Amino acid sequence: MKNNEQKPEFLFDKVNYKSLLIGIVVIAVGFILMSGGGSEDPKVFNEAELFSFRRIRLAPTLVLIGFGITIYSIFKKSK
């Protein structure tokens, strides 16, 4: 019997998969930072917590950076 086992060919290199995973983690952290801000009493509006730097600037910036890293990892050429 001949051994015709072929080594599986992956679409990306190991570096591409690592950077893709890093991008996904950065996106998840951005969405986690965006969440929350609820109040125990629905009649109370906490403007300071809702419009904080973390939710308005930091979290969306992290999400966009994560998407950039992910797109870069997809388009990066393999050696």
PDB file of N, CA and C in Angstrom:
ATOM      1  N   MET A   1       0.830  -1.190   0.000  1.00  0.00           N
ATOM      2  CA  MET A   1       0.000   0.000   0.000  1.00  0.00           C
ATOM      3  C   MET A   1       0.865   1.241   0.000  1.00  0.00           C
ATOM      4  N   LYS A   2       0.438   2.172  -0.785  1.00  0.00           N
ATOM      5  CA  LYS A   2       1.164   3.436  -0.836  1.00  0.00           C
ATOM      6  C   LYS A   2       0.601   4.388   0.207  1.00  0.00           C
ATOM      7  N   ASN A   3       1.487   5.145   0.739  1.00  0.00           N
ATOM      8  CA  ASN A   3       1.077   6.128   1.748  1.00  0.00           C
ATOM      9  C   ASN A   3       0.869   7.470   1.049  1.00  0.00           C
ATOM     10  N   ASN A   4      -0.370   7.762   0.709  1.00  0.00           N
ATOM     11  CA  ASN A   4      -0.686   8.988  -0.027  1.00  0.00           C
ATOM     12  C   ASN A   4      -1.209  10.090   0.879  1.00  0.00           C
ATOM     13  N   GLU A   5      -0.753  10.102   2.099  1.00  0.00           N
ATOM     14  CA  GLU A   5      -1.210  11.146   3.010  1.00  0.00           C
ATOM     15  C   GLU A   5      -0.551  12.461   2.634  1.00  0.00           C
ATOM     16  N   GLN A   6      -1.366  13.449   2.469  1.00  0.00           N
ATOM     17  CA  GLN A   6      -0.850  14.774   2.130  1.00  0.00           C
ATOM     18  C   GLN A   6      -0.939  15.666   3.354  1.00  0.00           C
ATOM     19  N   LYS A   7       0.029  16.521   3.468  1.00  0.00           N
ATOM     20  CA  LYS A   7       0.017  17.493   4.555  1.00  0.00           C
ATOM     21  C   LYS A   7      -1.063  18.533   4.247  1.00  0.00           C
ATOM     22  N   PRO A   8      -1.955  18.791   5.207  1.00  0.00           N
ATOM     23  CA  PRO A   8      -3.024  19.764   4.921  1.00  0.00           C
ATOM     24  C   PRO A   8      -2.451  21.158   4.686  1.00  0.00           C
ATOM     25  N   GLU A   9      -2.967  21.806   3.672  1.00  0.00           N
ATOM     26  CA  GLU A   9      -2.522  23.169   3.365  1.00  0.00           C
ATOM     27  C   GLU A   9      -3.518  24.151   3.968  1.00  0.00           C
ATOM     28  N   PHE A  10      -3.004  25.026   4.808  1.00  0.00           N
ATOM     29  CA  PHE A  10      -3.852  26.032   5.427  1.00  0.00           C
ATOM     30  C   PHE A  10      -3.909  27.257   4.539  1.00  0.00           C
ATOM     31  N   LEU A  11      -4.957  28.017   4.687  1.00  0.00           N
ATOM     32  CA  LEU A  11      -5.136  29.202   3.868  1.00  0.00           C
ATOM     33  C   LEU A  11      -4.141  30.289   4.234  1.00  0.00           C
ATOM     34  N   PHE A  12      -3.818  30.408   5.520  1.00  0.00           N
ATOM     35  CA  PHE A  12      -2.906  31.447   5.993  1.00  0.00           C
ATOM     36  C   PHE A  12      -1.715  30.822   6.699  1.00  0.00           C
ATOM     37  N   ASP A  13      -0.703  31.657   6.936  1.00  0.00           N
ATOM     38  CA  ASP A  13       0.447  31.234   7.738  1.00  0.00           C
ATOM     39  C   ASP A  13       0.107  31.352   9.218  1.00  0.00           C
ATOM     40  N   LYS A  14       1.025  30.866  10.044  1.00  0.00           N
ATOM     41  CA  LYS A  14       0.839  30.922  11.492  1.00  0.00           C
ATOM     42  C   LYS A  14       0.761  32.370  11.981  1.00  0.00           C
ATOM     43  N   VAL A  15       1.561  33.248  11.376  1.00  0.00           N
ATOM     44  CA  VAL A  15       1.567  34.669  11.762  1.00  0.00           C
ATOM     45  C   VAL A  15       0.223  35.313  11.450  1.00  0.00           C
ATOM     46  N   ASN A  16      -0.374  34.941  10.316  1.00  0.00           N
ATOM     47  CA  ASN A  16      -1.673  35.487   9.953  1.00  0.00           C
ATOM     48  C   ASN A  16      -2.748  35.086  10.958  1.00  0.00           C
ATOM     49  N   TYR A  17      -2.715  33.836  11.374  1.00  0.00           N
ATOM     50  CA  TYR A  17      -3.701  33.370  12.349  1.00  0.00           C
ATOM     51  C   TYR A  17      -3.517  34.042  13.708  1.00  0.00           C
ATOM     52  N   LYS A  18      -2.270  34.261  14.106  1.00  0.00           N
ATOM     53  CA  LYS A  18      -2.019  34.941  15.378  1.00  0.00           C
ATOM     54  C   LYS A  18      -2.531  36.375  15.336  1.00  0.00           C
ATOM     55  N   SER A  19      -2.232  37.094  14.260  1.00  0.00           N
ATOM     56  CA  SER A  19      -2.697  38.479  14.177  1.00  0.00           C
ATOM     57  C   SER A  19      -4.216  38.543  14.025  1.00  0.00           C
ATOM     58  N   LEU A  20      -4.802  37.553  13.364  1.00  0.00           N
ATOM     59  CA  LEU A  20      -6.265  37.496  13.268  1.00  0.00           C
ATOM     60  C   LEU A  20      -6.881  37.306  14.646  1.00  0.00           C
ATOM     61  N   LEU A  21      -6.298  36.423  15.446  1.00  0.00           N
ATOM     62  CA  LEU A  21      -6.789  36.200  16.800  1.00  0.00           C
ATOM     63  C   LEU A  21      -6.618  37.454  17.664  1.00  0.00           C
ATOM     64  N   ILE A  22      -5.494  38.138  17.521  1.00  0.00           N
ATOM     65  CA  ILE A  22      -5.273  39.386  18.267  1.00  0.00           C
ATOM     66  C   ILE A  22      -6.315  40.429  17.876  1.00  0.00           C
ATOM     67  N   GLY A  23      -6.608  40.538  16.587  1.00  0.00           N
ATOM     68  CA  GLY A  23      -7.628  41.480  16.127  1.00  0.00           C
ATOM     69  C   GLY A  23      -8.999  41.170  16.697  1.00  0.00           C
ATOM     70  N   ILE A  24      -9.357  39.903  16.744  1.00  0.00           N
ATOM     71  CA  ILE A  24     -10.653  39.511  17.298  1.00  0.00           C
ATOM     72  C   ILE A  24     -10.719  39.813  18.785  1.00  0.00           C
ATOM     73  N   VAL A  25      -9.621  39.589  19.501  1.00  0.00           N
ATOM     74  CA  VAL A  25      -9.589  39.894  20.933  1.00  0.00           C
ATOM     75  C   VAL A  25      -9.723  41.396  21.169  1.00  0.00           C
ATOM     76  N   VAL A  26      -9.055  42.217  20.344  1.00  0.00           N
ATOM     77  CA  VAL A  26      -9.154  43.675  20.494  1.00  0.00           C
ATOM     78  C   VAL A  26     -10.583  44.141  20.221  1.00  0.00           C
ATOM     79  N   ILE A  27     -11.232  43.565  19.216  1.00  0.00           N
ATOM     80  CA  ILE A  27     -12.632  43.902  18.934  1.00  0.00           C
ATOM     81  C   ILE A  27     -13.522  43.528  20.118  1.00  0.00           C
ATOM     82  N   ALA A  28     -13.311  42.345  20.685  1.00  0.00           N
ATOM     83  CA  ALA A  28     -14.124  41.901  21.826  1.00  0.00           C
ATOM     84  C   ALA A  28     -13.920  42.817  23.029  1.00  0.00           C
ATOM     85  N   VAL A  29     -12.675  43.227  23.284  1.00  0.00           N
ATOM     86  CA  VAL A  29     -12.411  44.138  24.399  1.00  0.00           C
ATOM     87  C   VAL A  29     -13.114  45.476  24.167  1.00  0.00           C
ATOM     88  N   GLY A  30     -13.111  45.965  22.935  1.00  0.00           N
ATOM     89  CA  GLY A  30     -13.810  47.209  22.620  1.00  0.00           C
ATOM     90  C   GLY A  30     -15.304  47.108  22.892  1.00  0.00           C
ATOM     91  N   PHE A  31     -15.907  46.013  22.489  1.00  0.00           N
ATOM     92  CA  PHE A  31     -17.340  45.841  22.739  1.00  0.00           C
ATOM     93  C   PHE A  31     -17.641  45.662  24.222  1.00  0.00           C
ATOM     94  N   ILE A  32     -16.749  44.997  24.947  1.00  0.00           N
ATOM     95  CA  ILE A  32     -16.949  44.853  26.392  1.00  0.00           C
ATOM     96  C   ILE A  32     -16.879  46.212  27.079  1.00  0.00           C
ATOM     97  N   LEU A  33     -15.939  47.053  26.645  1.00  0.00           N
ATOM     98  CA  LEU A  33     -15.835  48.394  27.232  1.00  0.00           C
ATOM     99  C   LEU A  33     -17.052  49.255  26.897  1.00  0.00           C
ATOM    100  N   MET A  34     -17.686  48.990  25.765  1.00  0.00           N
ATOM    101  CA  MET A  34     -18.870  49.759  25.374  1.00  0.00           C
ATOM    102  C   MET A  34     -20.109  49.350  26.166  1.00  0.00           C
ATOM    103  N   SER A  35     -20.132  48.148  26.674  1.00  0.00           N
ATOM    104  CA  SER A  35     -21.340  47.642  27.331  1.00  0.00           C
ATOM    105  C   SER A  35     -21.497  48.227  28.720  1.00  0.00           C
ATOM    106  N   GLY A  36     -22.637  47.987  29.285  1.00  0.00           N
ATOM    107  CA  GLY A  36     -22.906  48.431  30.647  1.00  0.00           C
ATOM    108  C   GLY A  36     -23.513  49.819  30.686  1.00  0.00           C
ATOM    109  N   GLY A  37     -23.413  50.434  31.829  1.00  0.00           N
ATOM    110  CA  GLY A  37     -23.945  51.782  31.986  1.00  0.00           C
ATOM    111  C   GLY A  37     -25.400  51.810  32.376  1.00  0.00           C
ATOM    112  N   GLY A  38     -25.962  50.670  32.654  1.00  0.00           N
ATOM    113  CA  GLY A  38     -27.355  50.620  33.051  1.00  0.00           C
ATOM    114  C   GLY A  38     -27.538  51.118  34.470  1.00  0.00           C
ATOM    115  N   SER A  39     -28.743  51.462  34.784  1.00  0.00           N
ATOM    116  CA  SER A  39     -29.069  51.954  36.115  1.00  0.00           C
ATOM    117  C   SER A  39     -30.047  50.986  36.775  1.00  0.00           C
ATOM    118  N   GLU A  40     -29.964  50.916  38.078  1.00  0.00           N
ATOM    119  CA  GLU A  40     -30.898  50.055  38.812  1.00  0.00           C
ATOM    120  C   GLU A  40     -32.330  50.581  38.685  1.00  0.00           C
ATOM    121  N   ASP A  41     -32.475  51.890  38.686  1.00  0.00           N
ATOM    122  CA  ASP A  41     -33.779  52.530  38.576  1.00  0.00           C
ATOM    123  C   ASP A  41     -33.954  53.036  37.142  1.00  0.00           C
ATOM    124  N   PRO A  42     -34.936  52.547  36.389  1.00  0.00           N
ATOM    125  CA  PRO A  42     -35.098  52.980  34.999  1.00  0.00           C
ATOM    126  C   PRO A  42     -35.490  54.453  34.849  1.00  0.00           C
ATOM    127  N   LYS A  43     -35.890  55.089  35.933  1.00  0.00           N
ATOM    128  CA  LYS A  43     -36.271  56.497  35.854  1.00  0.00           C
ATOM    129  C   LYS A  43     -35.071  57.423  36.021  1.00  0.00           C
ATOM    130  N   VAL A  44     -33.914  56.858  36.377  1.00  0.00           N
ATOM    131  CA  VAL A  44     -32.713  57.658  36.608  1.00  0.00           C
ATOM    132  C   VAL A  44     -31.820  57.557  35.376  1.00  0.00           C
ATOM    133  N   PHE A  45     -31.403  58.735  34.859  1.00  0.00           N
ATOM    134  CA  PHE A  45     -30.508  58.797  33.708  1.00  0.00           C
ATOM    135  C   PHE A  45     -29.146  59.275  34.186  1.00  0.00           C
ATOM    136  N   ASN A  46     -28.146  58.430  34.070  1.00  0.00           N
ATOM    137  CA  ASN A  46     -26.805  58.766  34.514  1.00  0.00           C
ATOM    138  C   ASN A  46     -25.985  59.203  33.301  1.00  0.00           C
ATOM    139  N   GLU A  47     -25.989  60.498  33.048  1.00  0.00           N
ATOM    140  CA  GLU A  47     -25.324  61.049  31.863  1.00  0.00           C
ATOM    141  C   GLU A  47     -23.807  60.908  31.938  1.00  0.00           C
ATOM    142  N   ALA A  48     -23.241  61.047  33.117  1.00  0.00           N
ATOM    143  CA  ALA A  48     -21.784  60.978  33.260  1.00  0.00           C
ATOM    144  C   ALA A  48     -21.250  59.590  32.905  1.00  0.00           C
ATOM    145  N   GLU A  49     -21.974  58.558  33.274  1.00  0.00           N
ATOM    146  CA  GLU A  49     -21.508  57.207  32.977  1.00  0.00           C
ATOM    147  C   GLU A  49     -21.753  56.838  31.517  1.00  0.00           C
ATOM    148  N   LEU A  50     -22.865  57.266  30.985  1.00  0.00           N
ATOM    149  CA  LEU A  50     -23.225  56.917  29.615  1.00  0.00           C
ATOM    150  C   LEU A  50     -22.320  57.604  28.601  1.00  0.00           C
ATOM    151  N   PHE A  51     -22.007  58.867  28.824  1.00  0.00           N
ATOM    152  CA  PHE A  51     -21.192  59.631  27.883  1.00  0.00           C
ATOM    153  C   PHE A  51     -19.753  59.777  28.372  1.00  0.00           C
ATOM    154  N   SER A  52     -19.227  58.752  28.977  1.00  0.00           N
ATOM    155  CA  SER A  52     -17.859  58.804  29.493  1.00  0.00           C
ATOM    156  C   SER A  52     -16.858  58.608  28.353  1.00  0.00           C
ATOM    157  N   PHE A  53     -15.610  58.959  28.634  1.00  0.00           N
ATOM    158  CA  PHE A  53     -14.528  58.807  27.653  1.00  0.00           C
ATOM    159  C   PHE A  53     -14.403  57.357  27.196  1.00  0.00           C
ATOM    160  N   ARG A  54     -14.587  56.432  28.120  1.00  0.00           N
ATOM    161  CA  ARG A  54     -14.440  55.013  27.811  1.00  0.00           C
ATOM    162  C   ARG A  54     -15.429  54.561  26.744  1.00  0.00           C
ATOM    163  N   ARG A  55     -16.678  54.998  26.840  1.00  0.00           N
ATOM    164  CA  ARG A  55     -17.711  54.544  25.908  1.00  0.00           C
ATOM    165  C   ARG A  55     -17.748  55.336  24.611  1.00  0.00           C
ATOM    166  N   ILE A  56     -17.370  56.593  24.656  1.00  0.00           N
ATOM    167  CA  ILE A  56     -17.493  57.445  23.475  1.00  0.00           C
ATOM    168  C   ILE A  56     -16.223  57.446  22.634  1.00  0.00           C
ATOM    169  N   ARG A  57     -15.062  57.386  23.240  1.00  0.00           N
ATOM    170  CA  ARG A  57     -13.800  57.474  22.501  1.00  0.00           C
ATOM    171  C   ARG A  57     -12.999  56.171  22.500  1.00  0.00           C
ATOM    172  N   LEU A  58     -12.742  55.619  23.665  1.00  0.00           N
ATOM    173  CA  LEU A  58     -11.828  54.485  23.786  1.00  0.00           C
ATOM    174  C   LEU A  58     -12.379  53.216  23.139  1.00  0.00           C
ATOM    175  N   ALA A  59     -13.593  52.842  23.478  1.00  0.00           N
ATOM    176  CA  ALA A  59     -14.159  51.584  22.989  1.00  0.00           C
ATOM    177  C   ALA A  59     -14.331  51.565  21.460  1.00  0.00           C
ATOM    178  N   PRO A  60     -14.922  52.590  20.844  1.00  0.00           N
ATOM    179  CA  PRO A  60     -15.019  52.557  19.375  1.00  0.00           C
ATOM    180  C   PRO A  60     -13.659  52.584  18.685  1.00  0.00           C
ATOM    181  N   THR A  61     -12.693  53.281  19.284  1.00  0.00           N
ATOM    182  CA  THR A  61     -11.347  53.300  18.707  1.00  0.00           C
ATOM    183  C   THR A  61     -10.732  51.910  18.756  1.00  0.00           C
ATOM    184  N   LEU A  62     -10.908  51.196  19.861  1.00  0.00           N
ATOM    185  CA  LEU A  62     -10.395  49.826  19.959  1.00  0.00           C
ATOM    186  C   LEU A  62     -11.067  48.904  18.945  1.00  0.00           C
ATOM    187  N   VAL A  63     -12.359  49.074  18.745  1.00  0.00           N
ATOM    188  CA  VAL A  63     -13.068  48.244  17.769  1.00  0.00           C
ATOM    189  C   VAL A  63     -12.527  48.509  16.364  1.00  0.00           C
ATOM    190  N   LEU A  64     -12.330  49.768  16.009  1.00  0.00           N
ATOM    191  CA  LEU A  64     -11.796  50.092  14.684  1.00  0.00           C
ATOM    192  C   LEU A  64     -10.370  49.587  14.514  1.00  0.00           C
ATOM    193  N   ILE A  65      -9.547  49.709  15.545  1.00  0.00           N
ATOM    194  CA  ILE A  65      -8.182  49.178  15.485  1.00  0.00           C
ATOM    195  C   ILE A  65      -8.219  47.658  15.314  1.00  0.00           C
ATOM    196  N   GLY A  66      -9.123  46.999  16.031  1.00  0.00           N
ATOM    197  CA  GLY A  66      -9.265  45.547  15.896  1.00  0.00           C
ATOM    198  C   GLY A  66      -9.677  45.137  14.493  1.00  0.00           C
ATOM    199  N   PHE A  67     -10.614  45.891  13.893  1.00  0.00           N
ATOM    200  CA  PHE A  67     -10.993  45.596  12.511  1.00  0.00           C
ATOM    201  C   PHE A  67      -9.819  45.827  11.568  1.00  0.00           C
ATOM    202  N   GLY A  68      -9.025  46.856  11.821  1.00  0.00           N
ATOM    203  CA  GLY A  68      -7.842  47.115  10.999  1.00  0.00           C
ATOM    204  C   GLY A  68      -6.838  45.977  11.091  1.00  0.00           C
ATOM    205  N   ILE A  69      -6.587  45.494  12.303  1.00  0.00           N
ATOM    206  CA  ILE A  69      -5.667  44.371  12.490  1.00  0.00           C
ATOM    207  C   ILE A  69      -6.188  43.123  11.787  1.00  0.00           C
ATOM    208  N   THR A  70      -7.484  42.885  11.891  1.00  0.00           N
ATOM    209  CA  THR A  70      -8.088  41.713  11.263  1.00  0.00           C
ATOM    210  C   THR A  70      -7.983  41.790   9.741  1.00  0.00           C
ATOM    211  N   ILE A  71      -8.288  42.947   9.179  1.00  0.00           N
ATOM    212  CA  ILE A  71      -8.197  43.114   7.722  1.00  0.00           C
ATOM    213  C   ILE A  71      -6.759  42.966   7.257  1.00  0.00           C
ATOM    214  N   TYR A  72      -5.813  43.537   8.023  1.00  0.00           N
ATOM    215  CA  TYR A  72      -4.402  43.395   7.678  1.00  0.00           C
ATOM    216  C   TYR A  72      -3.972  41.931   7.692  1.00  0.00           C
ATOM    217  N   SER A  73      -4.425  41.190   8.688  1.00  0.00           N
ATOM    218  CA  SER A  73      -4.021  39.780   8.777  1.00  0.00           C
ATOM    219  C   SER A  73      -4.598  38.955   7.633  1.00  0.00           C
ATOM    220  N   ILE A  74      -5.754  39.343   7.122  1.00  0.00           N
ATOM    221  CA  ILE A  74      -6.344  38.622   6.001  1.00  0.00           C
ATOM    222  C   ILE A  74      -5.597  38.926   4.698  1.00  0.00           C
ATOM    223  N   PHE A  75      -5.217  40.193   4.490  1.00  0.00           N
ATOM    224  CA  PHE A  75      -4.592  40.589   3.244  1.00  0.00           C
ATOM    225  C   PHE A  75      -3.076  40.402   3.213  1.00  0.00           C
ATOM    226  N   LYS A  76      -2.467  40.081   4.354  1.00  0.00           N
ATOM    227  CA  LYS A  76      -1.016  39.912   4.397  1.00  0.00           C
ATOM    228  C   LYS A  76      -0.617  38.706   3.569  1.00  0.00           C
ATOM    229  N   LYS A  77       0.385  38.904   2.726  1.00  0.00           N
ATOM    230  CA  LYS A  77       0.858  37.832   1.847  1.00  0.00           C
ATOM    231  C   LYS A  77       1.600  36.768   2.629  1.00  0.00           C
ATOM    232  N   SER A  78       1.412  35.547   2.253  1.00  0.00           N
ATOM    233  CA  SER A  78       2.152  34.432   2.860  1.00  0.00           C
ATOM    234  C   SER A  78       3.508  34.309   2.176  1.00  0.00           C
ATOM    235  N   LYS A  79       4.474  33.789   2.920  1.00  0.00           N
ATOM    236  CA  LYS A  79       5.813  33.621   2.324  1.00  0.00           C
ATOM    237  C   LYS A  79       5.879  32.382   1.490  1.00  0.00           C
TER     238      LYS A  79
END
